[in-house]
Amino acid sequence: MRWLEKSYARVLSLFKSELTEKFSLKPDEVEICLGLATKDLSGSDLFSQLSAG
């Protein structure tokens, strides 16, 4: 279990670094990306926030 927790922490750290350094995202933008990356995409509300305009 410890190994898995450390692995998750490492992946999260690398993901944040990549977004910050490679894509020049600000901390609040990184948090939005994390929210999207961890959101359950199988739910029925996947497209509810999209607009046609």
N, C-alpha and C. Protein backbone atom coordinates (compact mmCIF):
# COMPACT_ATOMS: atom_id res chain seq x y z
N MET A 1 0.81 -1.18 0.00
CA MET A 1 0.00 0.00 0.00
C MET A 1 0.87 1.26 0.00
N ARG A 2 1.93 1.23 0.76
CA ARG A 2 2.82 2.38 0.79
C ARG A 2 3.43 2.68 -0.57
N TRP A 3 3.80 1.62 -1.26
CA TRP A 3 4.40 1.78 -2.58
C TRP A 3 3.41 2.46 -3.52
N LEU A 4 2.15 2.06 -3.46
CA LEU A 4 1.12 2.63 -4.31
C LEU A 4 0.89 4.10 -3.98
N GLU A 5 0.85 4.45 -2.72
CA GLU A 5 0.69 5.84 -2.31
C GLU A 5 1.86 6.69 -2.79
N LYS A 6 3.06 6.17 -2.68
CA LYS A 6 4.23 6.89 -3.16
C LYS A 6 4.19 7.06 -4.67
N SER A 7 3.72 6.02 -5.35
CA SER A 7 3.61 6.10 -6.81
C SER A 7 2.60 7.16 -7.23
N TYR A 8 1.45 7.19 -6.56
CA TYR A 8 0.43 8.20 -6.85
C TYR A 8 0.97 9.60 -6.60
N ALA A 9 1.68 9.77 -5.50
CA ALA A 9 2.25 11.08 -5.17
C ALA A 9 3.26 11.52 -6.22
N ARG A 10 4.04 10.59 -6.70
CA ARG A 10 5.05 10.89 -7.72
C ARG A 10 4.39 11.27 -9.04
N VAL A 11 3.37 10.53 -9.44
CA VAL A 11 2.64 10.84 -10.68
C VAL A 11 1.99 12.22 -10.57
N LEU A 12 1.38 12.51 -9.43
CA LEU A 12 0.76 13.81 -9.22
C LEU A 12 1.78 14.94 -9.31
N SER A 13 2.92 14.73 -8.71
CA SER A 13 3.99 15.73 -8.75
C SER A 13 4.48 15.96 -10.18
N LEU A 14 4.68 14.89 -10.92
CA LEU A 14 5.13 15.02 -12.30
C LEU A 14 4.08 15.69 -13.18
N PHE A 15 2.81 15.36 -12.95
CA PHE A 15 1.72 15.95 -13.71
C PHE A 15 1.67 17.46 -13.47
N LYS A 16 1.75 17.87 -12.21
CA LYS A 16 1.74 19.30 -11.88
C LYS A 16 2.94 20.02 -12.48
N SER A 17 4.11 19.40 -12.39
CA SER A 17 5.32 20.00 -12.96
C SER A 17 5.20 20.19 -14.46
N GLU A 18 4.67 19.18 -15.13
CA GLU A 18 4.51 19.24 -16.58
C GLU A 18 3.56 20.38 -16.96
N LEU A 19 2.46 20.49 -16.26
CA LEU A 19 1.50 21.56 -16.56
C LEU A 19 2.09 22.94 -16.30
N THR A 20 2.86 23.05 -15.24
CA THR A 20 3.45 24.33 -14.88
C THR A 20 4.60 24.73 -15.79
N GLU A 21 5.52 23.81 -16.01
CA GLU A 21 6.73 24.12 -16.75
C GLU A 21 6.54 24.09 -18.27
N LYS A 22 5.92 23.05 -18.77
CA LYS A 22 5.79 22.89 -20.21
C LYS A 22 4.68 23.76 -20.80
N PHE A 23 3.57 23.88 -20.06
CA PHE A 23 2.42 24.60 -20.57
C PHE A 23 2.20 25.95 -19.91
N SER A 24 3.08 26.32 -18.99
CA SER A 24 3.04 27.62 -18.29
C SER A 24 1.70 27.93 -17.65
N LEU A 25 1.08 26.92 -17.04
CA LEU A 25 -0.19 27.14 -16.37
C LEU A 25 0.05 27.71 -14.98
N LYS A 26 -0.89 28.53 -14.54
CA LYS A 26 -0.86 29.11 -13.20
C LYS A 26 -1.44 28.09 -12.23
N PRO A 27 -1.17 28.26 -10.92
CA PRO A 27 -1.65 27.29 -9.93
C PRO A 27 -3.16 27.03 -9.99
N ASP A 28 -3.96 28.07 -10.20
CA ASP A 28 -5.40 27.85 -10.27
C ASP A 28 -5.79 27.07 -11.52
N GLU A 29 -5.06 27.25 -12.60
CA GLU A 29 -5.30 26.49 -13.82
C GLU A 29 -4.91 25.01 -13.64
N VAL A 30 -3.84 24.79 -12.90
CA VAL A 30 -3.41 23.42 -12.61
C VAL A 30 -4.49 22.71 -11.80
N GLU A 31 -5.08 23.40 -10.83
CA GLU A 31 -6.14 22.81 -10.02
C GLU A 31 -7.36 22.46 -10.87
N ILE A 32 -7.68 23.29 -11.86
CA ILE A 32 -8.78 22.98 -12.77
C ILE A 32 -8.46 21.70 -13.54
N CYS A 33 -7.24 21.60 -14.04
CA CYS A 33 -6.82 20.39 -14.77
C CYS A 33 -6.90 19.16 -13.89
N LEU A 34 -6.47 19.29 -12.64
CA LEU A 34 -6.54 18.15 -11.72
C LEU A 34 -7.99 17.74 -11.48
N GLY A 35 -8.86 18.71 -11.36
CA GLY A 35 -10.27 18.41 -11.18
C GLY A 35 -10.84 17.67 -12.37
N LEU A 36 -10.47 18.11 -13.56
CA LEU A 36 -10.95 17.44 -14.77
C LEU A 36 -10.35 16.05 -14.92
N ALA A 37 -9.09 15.91 -14.58
CA ALA A 37 -8.41 14.62 -14.72
C ALA A 37 -8.95 13.58 -13.74
N THR A 38 -9.44 14.03 -12.60
CA THR A 38 -9.91 13.08 -11.59
C THR A 38 -11.43 12.95 -11.57
N LYS A 39 -12.12 13.68 -12.41
CA LYS A 39 -13.58 13.61 -12.46
C LYS A 39 -14.02 12.29 -13.09
N ASP A 40 -15.10 11.77 -12.60
CA ASP A 40 -15.66 10.54 -13.13
C ASP A 40 -16.28 10.83 -14.50
N LEU A 41 -15.64 10.38 -15.54
CA LEU A 41 -16.10 10.66 -16.90
C LEU A 41 -17.22 9.75 -17.35
N SER A 42 -17.58 8.78 -16.56
CA SER A 42 -18.65 7.86 -16.96
C SER A 42 -20.03 8.38 -16.55
N GLY A 43 -20.07 9.47 -15.81
CA GLY A 43 -21.34 10.01 -15.35
C GLY A 43 -22.15 10.62 -16.47
N SER A 44 -23.43 10.83 -16.20
CA SER A 44 -24.32 11.36 -17.23
C SER A 44 -24.15 12.86 -17.43
N ASP A 45 -23.47 13.55 -16.53
CA ASP A 45 -23.34 15.00 -16.65
C ASP A 45 -22.07 15.45 -17.35
N LEU A 46 -21.46 14.56 -18.10
CA LEU A 46 -20.19 14.86 -18.77
C LEU A 46 -20.29 16.09 -19.66
N PHE A 47 -21.36 16.21 -20.41
CA PHE A 47 -21.50 17.30 -21.36
C PHE A 47 -22.47 18.39 -20.89
N SER A 48 -22.91 18.34 -19.65
CA SER A 48 -23.92 19.27 -19.17
C SER A 48 -23.42 20.70 -19.10
N GLN A 49 -22.13 20.91 -18.96
CA GLN A 49 -21.59 22.26 -18.82
C GLN A 49 -21.16 22.89 -20.13
N LEU A 50 -21.32 22.18 -21.22
CA LEU A 50 -20.93 22.69 -22.53
C LEU A 50 -22.05 23.55 -23.11
N SER A 51 -21.67 24.58 -23.83
CA SER A 51 -22.68 25.41 -24.49
C SER A 51 -22.37 25.46 -25.98
N ALA A 52 -23.36 25.78 -26.77
CA ALA A 52 -23.20 25.81 -28.23
C ALA A 52 -22.75 27.17 -28.73
N GLY A 53 -22.54 28.10 -27.85
CA GLY A 53 -22.27 29.45 -28.29
C GLY A 53 -20.91 29.88 -28.28
